[in-house]
Amino acid sequence: MKTIKVVGLVLRTRKYGEADHLLSLLTPELGKVSAIAKGARKAKGSMRGKTQPFVYGEYMLYQGKSLYTVTQAEIINSFYIFGEDITKYAIGSYVCEVADAVLLPDQPVPEMFALVLGVLYAASLETDPLLLTWYRLRLLKILGYLPQLKTCVCCGSEIKDGAASFDQSQGGTLCSDCSSHKPNLSGGARAAISFLLQVPLTKLSRMKLAAVIQHEVEEQGEKLVNTYLERPIKSQEFLRCIKKD
């Protein structure tokens, strides 16, 4: 048993006991861990504002037999803007919920921590229409689920330019010989996905897509991520409702 100092991002909170919260805390060193924040639900509790969703801070964690306990916390960024803008809140919720759902406990993936934190910072500043699509594709790349776009996932033959059949469950494109379905991914969308995988977040705002291509890329990216999730993402429907409004 020991105390560890880490930087962390609160992905999720759940009620625990009468006055505590159980945090899903993402850290670069430990990965995703579960930690008890005692008294976090008390109106005047010292942990209340420091252990809310979206909070990025420094945490002292006491390592117990099965759970960590937060003994101290200091806020680096609370992303308070998410509480003032419903669109930003929906985006932030989706980003954190997907990360929480896709990551295994106690498995350090520093690139994922940097990705989630970077996307939250970007979302807090502006709402780029390609941000979530970029996030989904980068997440898949980091976790080793990168879609295969240039060759057939079944036979390995080269996929020519133009529309192609794309199967999320198989993780990529299929040639005309291996697919029994009509092409469902345009050549423009394939090119956009390839480019999105290369462009850094700092230059994402310079990328502009035709509305029909943007919709296609977003739809395919969402379906692809959902293939690797074991539970439905509640904030996904919330995002859809926001867009309709």
C-alpha atoms as a PDB file:
ATOM      1  CA  MET A   1       0.000   0.000   0.000  1.00  0.00           C
ATOM      2  CA  LYS A   2       1.389   3.411  -0.960  1.00  0.00           C
ATOM      3  CA  THR A   3       0.481   6.970  -1.908  1.00  0.00           C
ATOM      4  CA  ILE A   4       1.030   8.064  -5.500  1.00  0.00           C
ATOM      5  CA  LYS A   5       0.965  11.568  -7.005  1.00  0.00           C
ATOM      6  CA  VAL A   6      -0.488  11.701 -10.520  1.00  0.00           C
ATOM      7  CA  VAL A   7      -2.086  14.093 -12.948  1.00  0.00           C
ATOM      8  CA  GLY A   8      -5.517  12.868 -13.956  1.00  0.00           C
ATOM      9  CA  LEU A   9      -8.728  13.615 -15.773  1.00  0.00           C
ATOM     10  CA  VAL A  10     -12.102  12.689 -14.286  1.00  0.00           C
ATOM     11  CA  LEU A  11     -14.016  10.768 -16.953  1.00  0.00           C
ATOM     12  CA  ARG A  12     -16.986   9.727 -14.857  1.00  0.00           C
ATOM     13  CA  THR A  13     -18.405   9.826 -11.330  1.00  0.00           C
ATOM     14  CA  ARG A  14     -20.829   7.499  -9.581  1.00  0.00           C
ATOM     15  CA  LYS A  15     -22.447   7.613  -6.171  1.00  0.00           C
ATOM     16  CA  TYR A  16     -20.574   5.569  -3.604  1.00  0.00           C
ATOM     17  CA  GLY A  17     -21.829   5.141  -0.060  1.00  0.00           C
ATOM     18  CA  GLU A  18     -23.714   7.984   1.595  1.00  0.00           C
ATOM     19  CA  ALA A  19     -21.504  10.936   0.707  1.00  0.00           C
ATOM     20  CA  ASP A  20     -18.716   9.722  -1.557  1.00  0.00           C
ATOM     21  CA  HIS A  21     -18.046   9.518  -5.266  1.00  0.00           C
ATOM     22  CA  LEU A  22     -16.375   6.699  -7.171  1.00  0.00           C
ATOM     23  CA  LEU A  23     -14.277   8.259  -9.908  1.00  0.00           C
ATOM     24  CA  SER A  24     -13.172   6.862 -13.202  1.00  0.00           C
ATOM     25  CA  LEU A  25      -9.862   8.694 -13.400  1.00  0.00           C
ATOM     26  CA  LEU A  26      -7.656   8.672 -16.493  1.00  0.00           C
ATOM     27  CA  THR A  27      -3.941   9.097 -15.845  1.00  0.00           C
ATOM     28  CA  PRO A  28      -0.881   8.739 -18.090  1.00  0.00           C
ATOM     29  CA  GLU A  29       1.024   6.647 -15.547  1.00  0.00           C
ATOM     30  CA  LEU A  30      -1.639   4.239 -14.286  1.00  0.00           C
ATOM     31  CA  GLY A  31      -4.171   4.257 -17.111  1.00  0.00           C
ATOM     32  CA  LYS A  32      -7.831   4.302 -16.115  1.00  0.00           C
ATOM     33  CA  VAL A  33      -8.306   3.688 -12.394  1.00  0.00           C
ATOM     34  CA  SER A  34     -11.220   3.671  -9.957  1.00  0.00           C
ATOM     35  CA  ALA A  35     -10.775   5.986  -6.985  1.00  0.00           C
ATOM     36  CA  ILE A  36     -12.994   6.930  -4.049  1.00  0.00           C
ATOM     37  CA  ALA A  37     -13.369  10.649  -3.335  1.00  0.00           C
ATOM     38  CA  LYS A  38     -14.632  10.761   0.232  1.00  0.00           C
ATOM     39  CA  GLY A  39     -17.143  13.472   1.054  1.00  0.00           C
ATOM     40  CA  ALA A  40     -17.329  14.598  -2.586  1.00  0.00           C
ATOM     41  CA  ARG A  41     -21.138  14.706  -2.459  1.00  0.00           C
ATOM     42  CA  LYS A  42     -21.256  16.918   0.627  1.00  0.00           C
ATOM     43  CA  ALA A  43     -22.206  20.532  -0.080  1.00  0.00           C
ATOM     44  CA  LYS A  44     -19.145  21.853   1.749  1.00  0.00           C
ATOM     45  CA  GLY A  45     -16.839  18.893   1.126  1.00  0.00           C
ATOM     46  CA  SER A  46     -13.271  19.845   0.161  1.00  0.00           C
ATOM     47  CA  MET A  47     -13.295  17.288  -2.656  1.00  0.00           C
ATOM     48  CA  ARG A  48     -16.600  18.351  -4.207  1.00  0.00           C
ATOM     49  CA  GLY A  49     -15.379  20.715  -6.924  1.00  0.00           C
ATOM     50  CA  LYS A  50     -12.096  18.904  -7.499  1.00  0.00           C
ATOM     51  CA  THR A  51     -13.547  15.533  -8.454  1.00  0.00           C
ATOM     52  CA  GLN A  52     -16.289  16.436 -10.922  1.00  0.00           C
ATOM     53  CA  PRO A  53     -16.411  15.166 -14.533  1.00  0.00           C
ATOM     54  CA  PHE A  54     -14.016  16.993 -16.908  1.00  0.00           C
ATOM     55  CA  VAL A  55     -11.761  18.167 -14.082  1.00  0.00           C
ATOM     56  CA  TYR A  56      -8.071  17.892 -14.922  1.00  0.00           C
ATOM     57  CA  GLY A  57      -5.876  18.076 -11.855  1.00  0.00           C
ATOM     58  CA  GLU A  58      -3.146  16.730  -9.617  1.00  0.00           C
ATOM     59  CA  TYR A  59      -4.219  13.910  -7.336  1.00  0.00           C
ATOM     60  CA  MET A  60      -2.680  12.106  -4.402  1.00  0.00           C
ATOM     61  CA  LEU A  61      -3.961   8.530  -4.485  1.00  0.00           C
ATOM     62  CA  TYR A  62      -3.736   6.025  -1.670  1.00  0.00           C
ATOM     63  CA  GLN A  63      -3.551   2.533  -3.104  1.00  0.00           C
ATOM     64  CA  GLY A  64      -5.816   0.086  -1.301  1.00  0.00           C
ATOM     65  CA  LYS A  65      -6.385  -3.595  -2.008  1.00  0.00           C
ATOM     66  CA  SER A  66      -8.920  -3.040  -4.787  1.00  0.00           C
ATOM     67  CA  LEU A  67      -9.488   0.717  -5.091  1.00  0.00           C
ATOM     68  CA  TYR A  68      -7.558   3.939  -4.829  1.00  0.00           C
ATOM     69  CA  THR A  69      -8.637   6.726  -2.479  1.00  0.00           C
ATOM     70  CA  VAL A  70      -8.120  10.385  -3.325  1.00  0.00           C
ATOM     71  CA  THR A  71      -6.387  11.996  -0.345  1.00  0.00           C
ATOM     72  CA  GLN A  72      -5.568  15.373  -1.938  1.00  0.00           C
ATOM     73  CA  ALA A  73      -6.527  17.145  -5.149  1.00  0.00           C
ATOM     74  CA  GLU A  74      -5.642  20.382  -6.912  1.00  0.00           C
ATOM     75  CA  ILE A  75      -7.407  21.634 -10.044  1.00  0.00           C
ATOM     76  CA  ILE A  76      -5.352  22.432 -13.133  1.00  0.00           C
ATOM     77  CA  ASN A  77      -8.358  23.046 -15.394  1.00  0.00           C
ATOM     78  CA  SER A  78     -12.018  22.481 -14.550  1.00  0.00           C
ATOM     79  CA  PHE A  79     -13.265  23.103 -18.121  1.00  0.00           C
ATOM     80  CA  TYR A  80     -16.024  25.213 -16.575  1.00  0.00           C
ATOM     81  CA  ILE A  81     -17.092  26.348 -20.060  1.00  0.00           C
ATOM     82  CA  PHE A  82     -18.712  22.934 -20.573  1.00  0.00           C
ATOM     83  CA  GLY A  83     -21.244  23.865 -17.926  1.00  0.00           C
ATOM     84  CA  GLU A  84     -22.140  27.056 -19.797  1.00  0.00           C
ATOM     85  CA  ASP A  85     -22.449  25.769 -23.363  1.00  0.00           C
ATOM     86  CA  ILE A  86     -24.692  22.777 -24.070  1.00  0.00           C
ATOM     87  CA  THR A  87     -22.924  21.858 -27.322  1.00  0.00           C
ATOM     88  CA  LYS A  88     -19.500  21.870 -25.675  1.00  0.00           C
ATOM     89  CA  TYR A  89     -20.943  19.871 -22.781  1.00  0.00           C
ATOM     90  CA  ALA A  90     -22.321  17.252 -25.175  1.00  0.00           C
ATOM     91  CA  ILE A  91     -18.985  16.962 -26.983  1.00  0.00           C
ATOM     92  CA  GLY A  92     -17.009  16.733 -23.737  1.00  0.00           C
ATOM     93  CA  SER A  93     -19.403  14.113 -22.362  1.00  0.00           C
ATOM     94  CA  TYR A  94     -19.055  11.993 -25.494  1.00  0.00           C
ATOM     95  CA  VAL A  95     -15.257  12.224 -25.509  1.00  0.00           C
ATOM     96  CA  CYS A  96     -14.995  11.138 -21.860  1.00  0.00           C
ATOM     97  CA  GLU A  97     -17.684   8.463 -22.071  1.00  0.00           C
ATOM     98  CA  VAL A  98     -16.095   6.781 -25.087  1.00  0.00           C
ATOM     99  CA  ALA A  99     -12.667   6.814 -23.432  1.00  0.00           C
ATOM    100  CA  ASP A 100     -14.140   5.318 -20.265  1.00  0.00           C
ATOM    101  CA  ALA A 101     -15.947   2.622 -22.243  1.00  0.00           C
ATOM    102  CA  VAL A 102     -13.092   1.580 -24.514  1.00  0.00           C
ATOM    103  CA  LEU A 103     -10.176   1.550 -22.054  1.00  0.00           C
ATOM    104  CA  LEU A 104      -9.398  -1.396 -19.794  1.00  0.00           C
ATOM    105  CA  PRO A 105      -8.668  -0.651 -16.112  1.00  0.00           C
ATOM    106  CA  ASP A 106      -5.066  -0.274 -14.955  1.00  0.00           C
ATOM    107  CA  GLN A 107      -3.610  -0.405 -18.466  1.00  0.00           C
ATOM    108  CA  PRO A 108      -1.460   2.711 -19.086  1.00  0.00           C
ATOM    109  CA  VAL A 109      -1.946   4.227 -22.543  1.00  0.00           C
ATOM    110  CA  PRO A 110      -0.263   7.674 -22.320  1.00  0.00           C
ATOM    111  CA  GLU A 111      -1.267   8.518 -25.899  1.00  0.00           C
ATOM    112  CA  MET A 112      -4.942   8.145 -24.946  1.00  0.00           C
ATOM    113  CA  PHE A 113      -4.546  10.514 -22.019  1.00  0.00           C
ATOM    114  CA  ALA A 114      -2.937  13.109 -24.298  1.00  0.00           C
ATOM    115  CA  LEU A 115      -5.636  12.563 -26.936  1.00  0.00           C
ATOM    116  CA  VAL A 116      -8.608  12.995 -24.587  1.00  0.00           C
ATOM    117  CA  LEU A 117      -7.099  16.006 -22.844  1.00  0.00           C
ATOM    118  CA  GLY A 118      -6.152  17.640 -26.146  1.00  0.00           C
ATOM    119  CA  VAL A 119      -9.638  17.185 -27.588  1.00  0.00           C
ATOM    120  CA  LEU A 120     -11.243  18.642 -24.449  1.00  0.00           C
ATOM    121  CA  TYR A 121      -9.006  21.702 -24.684  1.00  0.00           C
ATOM    122  CA  ALA A 122      -9.885  22.076 -28.380  1.00  0.00           C
ATOM    123  CA  ALA A 123     -13.624  21.685 -27.663  1.00  0.00           C
ATOM    124  CA  SER A 124     -13.448  24.303 -24.907  1.00  0.00           C
ATOM    125  CA  LEU A 125     -12.119  26.882 -27.372  1.00  0.00           C
ATOM    126  CA  GLU A 126     -14.184  26.254 -30.483  1.00  0.00           C
ATOM    127  CA  THR A 127     -16.582  23.690 -31.909  1.00  0.00           C
ATOM    128  CA  ASP A 128     -14.852  22.337 -34.992  1.00  0.00           C
ATOM    129  CA  PRO A 129     -17.273  20.225 -37.078  1.00  0.00           C
ATOM    130  CA  LEU A 130     -14.563  17.602 -37.666  1.00  0.00           C
ATOM    131  CA  LEU A 131     -13.327  17.367 -34.075  1.00  0.00           C
ATOM    132  CA  LEU A 132     -15.255  14.264 -33.011  1.00  0.00           C
ATOM    133  CA  THR A 133     -14.519  12.461 -36.266  1.00  0.00           C
ATOM    134  CA  TRP A 134     -10.810  13.244 -35.784  1.00  0.00           C
ATOM    135  CA  TYR A 135     -11.046  12.004 -32.184  1.00  0.00           C
ATOM    136  CA  ARG A 136     -12.685   8.734 -33.176  1.00  0.00           C
ATOM    137  CA  LEU A 137     -10.093   7.984 -35.854  1.00  0.00           C
ATOM    138  CA  ARG A 138      -7.140   8.853 -33.602  1.00  0.00           C
ATOM    139  CA  LEU A 139      -8.586   6.735 -30.826  1.00  0.00           C
ATOM    140  CA  LEU A 140      -8.841   3.751 -33.185  1.00  0.00           C
ATOM    141  CA  LYS A 141      -5.283   4.324 -34.363  1.00  0.00           C
ATOM    142  CA  ILE A 142      -3.873   4.439 -30.826  1.00  0.00           C
ATOM    143  CA  LEU A 143      -5.724   1.281 -29.786  1.00  0.00           C
ATOM    144  CA  GLY A 144      -4.664  -0.629 -32.907  1.00  0.00           C
ATOM    145  CA  TYR A 145      -8.070  -0.682 -34.584  1.00  0.00           C
ATOM    146  CA  LEU A 146      -7.115   1.487 -37.529  1.00  0.00           C
ATOM    147  CA  PRO A 147      -9.424   0.795 -40.492  1.00  0.00           C
ATOM    148  CA  GLN A 148      -7.815  -0.782 -43.547  1.00  0.00           C
ATOM    149  CA  LEU A 149      -8.602   1.460 -46.510  1.00  0.00           C
ATOM    150  CA  LYS A 150      -6.100   0.732 -49.274  1.00  0.00           C
ATOM    151  CA  THR A 151      -6.278  -3.058 -49.446  1.00  0.00           C
ATOM    152  CA  CYS A 152      -9.044  -5.626 -49.043  1.00  0.00           C
ATOM    153  CA  VAL A 153      -9.310  -6.961 -45.481  1.00  0.00           C
ATOM    154  CA  CYS A 154     -10.131 -10.429 -46.834  1.00  0.00           C
ATOM    155  CA  CYS A 155      -7.778 -11.112 -49.742  1.00  0.00           C
ATOM    156  CA  GLY A 156      -5.294  -8.266 -49.484  1.00  0.00           C
ATOM    157  CA  SER A 157      -5.797  -7.014 -53.033  1.00  0.00           C
ATOM    158  CA  GLU A 158      -5.403  -3.301 -53.692  1.00  0.00           C
ATOM    159  CA  ILE A 159      -8.555  -1.214 -53.545  1.00  0.00           C
ATOM    160  CA  LYS A 160      -8.725   1.077 -56.552  1.00  0.00           C
ATOM    161  CA  ASP A 161      -9.699   4.731 -56.344  1.00  0.00           C
ATOM    162  CA  GLY A 162     -13.396   5.463 -56.112  1.00  0.00           C
ATOM    163  CA  ALA A 163     -16.224   4.003 -54.065  1.00  0.00           C
ATOM    164  CA  ALA A 164     -15.688   0.778 -52.118  1.00  0.00           C
ATOM    165  CA  SER A 165     -17.496  -1.530 -49.745  1.00  0.00           C
ATOM    166  CA  PHE A 166     -16.671  -0.830 -46.108  1.00  0.00           C
ATOM    167  CA  ASP A 167     -17.412  -3.319 -43.331  1.00  0.00           C
ATOM    168  CA  GLN A 168     -17.047  -1.975 -39.771  1.00  0.00           C
ATOM    169  CA  SER A 169     -17.129  -5.440 -38.213  1.00  0.00           C
ATOM    170  CA  GLN A 170     -14.142  -6.508 -40.315  1.00  0.00           C
ATOM    171  CA  GLY A 171     -12.342  -3.216 -39.866  1.00  0.00           C
ATOM    172  CA  GLY A 172     -11.906  -2.050 -43.429  1.00  0.00           C
ATOM    173  CA  THR A 173     -12.688  -2.131 -47.117  1.00  0.00           C
ATOM    174  CA  LEU A 174     -13.595  -5.113 -49.251  1.00  0.00           C
ATOM    175  CA  CYS A 175     -12.850  -5.591 -52.924  1.00  0.00           C
ATOM    176  CA  SER A 176     -15.674  -6.334 -55.369  1.00  0.00           C
ATOM    177  CA  ASP A 177     -14.791 -10.063 -55.364  1.00  0.00           C
ATOM    178  CA  CYS A 178     -15.010 -10.376 -51.562  1.00  0.00           C
ATOM    179  CA  SER A 179     -18.049  -8.191 -50.983  1.00  0.00           C
ATOM    180  CA  SER A 180     -21.629  -9.141 -51.712  1.00  0.00           C
ATOM    181  CA  HIS A 181     -22.838  -5.587 -51.082  1.00  0.00           C
ATOM    182  CA  LYS A 182     -22.830  -2.438 -53.139  1.00  0.00           C
ATOM    183  CA  PRO A 183     -20.103   0.156 -52.394  1.00  0.00           C
ATOM    184  CA  ASN A 184     -21.049   2.183 -49.312  1.00  0.00           C
ATOM    185  CA  LEU A 185     -17.945   4.388 -48.911  1.00  0.00           C
ATOM    186  CA  SER A 186     -17.162   6.989 -51.538  1.00  0.00           C
ATOM    187  CA  GLY A 187     -13.683   7.676 -52.819  1.00  0.00           C
ATOM    188  CA  GLY A 188     -13.881  11.179 -51.351  1.00  0.00           C
ATOM    189  CA  ALA A 189     -14.689   9.824 -47.895  1.00  0.00           C
ATOM    190  CA  ARG A 190     -11.826   7.316 -48.044  1.00  0.00           C
ATOM    191  CA  ALA A 191      -9.428  10.102 -48.972  1.00  0.00           C
ATOM    192  CA  ALA A 192     -10.786  12.302 -46.169  1.00  0.00           C
ATOM    193  CA  ILE A 193     -10.352   9.552 -43.574  1.00  0.00           C
ATOM    194  CA  SER A 194      -6.762   8.966 -44.698  1.00  0.00           C
ATOM    195  CA  PHE A 195      -6.027  12.683 -44.460  1.00  0.00           C
ATOM    196  CA  LEU A 196      -7.679  13.041 -41.056  1.00  0.00           C
ATOM    197  CA  LEU A 197      -5.388  10.327 -39.733  1.00  0.00           C
ATOM    198  CA  GLN A 198      -2.392  12.437 -40.736  1.00  0.00           C
ATOM    199  CA  VAL A 199      -3.414  15.993 -39.861  1.00  0.00           C
ATOM    200  CA  PRO A 200      -2.475  17.204 -36.338  1.00  0.00           C
ATOM    201  CA  LEU A 201      -5.148  18.645 -34.070  1.00  0.00           C
ATOM    202  CA  THR A 202      -3.605  22.105 -34.291  1.00  0.00           C
ATOM    203  CA  LYS A 203      -4.257  22.203 -38.050  1.00  0.00           C
ATOM    204  CA  LEU A 204      -7.652  20.512 -38.082  1.00  0.00           C
ATOM    205  CA  SER A 205      -9.545  23.804 -38.467  1.00  0.00           C
ATOM    206  CA  ARG A 206      -7.876  24.340 -41.856  1.00  0.00           C
ATOM    207  CA  MET A 207      -9.497  21.210 -43.270  1.00  0.00           C
ATOM    208  CA  LYS A 208     -12.791  21.778 -45.049  1.00  0.00           C
ATOM    209  CA  LEU A 209     -15.014  19.033 -46.470  1.00  0.00           C
ATOM    210  CA  ALA A 210     -18.118  19.120 -48.593  1.00  0.00           C
ATOM    211  CA  ALA A 211     -21.184  18.575 -46.416  1.00  0.00           C
ATOM    212  CA  VAL A 212     -22.014  15.204 -47.977  1.00  0.00           C
ATOM    213  CA  ILE A 213     -18.441  13.906 -47.451  1.00  0.00           C
ATOM    214  CA  GLN A 214     -18.320  15.240 -43.909  1.00  0.00           C
ATOM    215  CA  HIS A 215     -21.579  13.470 -43.058  1.00  0.00           C
ATOM    216  CA  GLU A 216     -20.336  10.218 -44.591  1.00  0.00           C
ATOM    217  CA  VAL A 217     -17.007  10.285 -42.750  1.00  0.00           C
ATOM    218  CA  GLU A 218     -18.709  11.128 -39.449  1.00  0.00           C
ATOM    219  CA  GLU A 219     -21.237   8.326 -39.843  1.00  0.00           C
ATOM    220  CA  GLN A 220     -18.625   5.708 -40.713  1.00  0.00           C
ATOM    221  CA  GLY A 221     -16.322   6.805 -37.893  1.00  0.00           C
ATOM    222  CA  GLU A 222     -19.143   6.583 -35.348  1.00  0.00           C
ATOM    223  CA  LYS A 223     -20.154   3.102 -36.528  1.00  0.00           C
ATOM    224  CA  LEU A 224     -16.544   1.926 -36.474  1.00  0.00           C
ATOM    225  CA  VAL A 225     -15.969   3.083 -32.887  1.00  0.00           C
ATOM    226  CA  ASN A 226     -19.258   1.539 -31.770  1.00  0.00           C
ATOM    227  CA  THR A 227     -18.026  -1.818 -33.083  1.00  0.00           C
ATOM    228  CA  TYR A 228     -15.392  -1.899 -30.327  1.00  0.00           C
ATOM    229  CA  LEU A 229     -17.600  -0.708 -27.453  1.00  0.00           C
ATOM    230  CA  GLU A 230     -19.275  -3.117 -25.053  1.00  0.00           C
ATOM    231  CA  ARG A 231     -21.993  -0.686 -23.965  1.00  0.00           C
ATOM    232  CA  PRO A 232     -24.136   1.987 -25.636  1.00  0.00           C
ATOM    233  CA  ILE A 233     -22.876   5.560 -25.399  1.00  0.00           C
ATOM    234  CA  LYS A 234     -25.625   7.640 -23.786  1.00  0.00           C
ATOM    235  CA  SER A 235     -24.125  10.974 -24.834  1.00  0.00           C
ATOM    236  CA  GLN A 236     -24.239   9.881 -28.472  1.00  0.00           C
ATOM    237  CA  GLU A 237     -28.010  10.317 -28.573  1.00  0.00           C
ATOM    238  CA  PHE A 238     -27.656  13.608 -26.691  1.00  0.00           C
ATOM    239  CA  LEU A 239     -25.328  14.828 -29.451  1.00  0.00           C
ATOM    240  CA  ARG A 240     -27.857  13.875 -32.116  1.00  0.00           C
ATOM    241  CA  CYS A 241     -30.580  15.839 -30.327  1.00  0.00           C
ATOM    242  CA  ILE A 242     -28.332  18.898 -30.114  1.00  0.00           C
ATOM    243  CA  LYS A 243     -27.605  18.755 -33.850  1.00  0.00           C
ATOM    244  CA  LYS A 244     -31.317  18.510 -34.692  1.00  0.00           C
ATOM    245  CA  ASP A 245     -31.989  21.660 -32.710  1.00  0.00           C
END
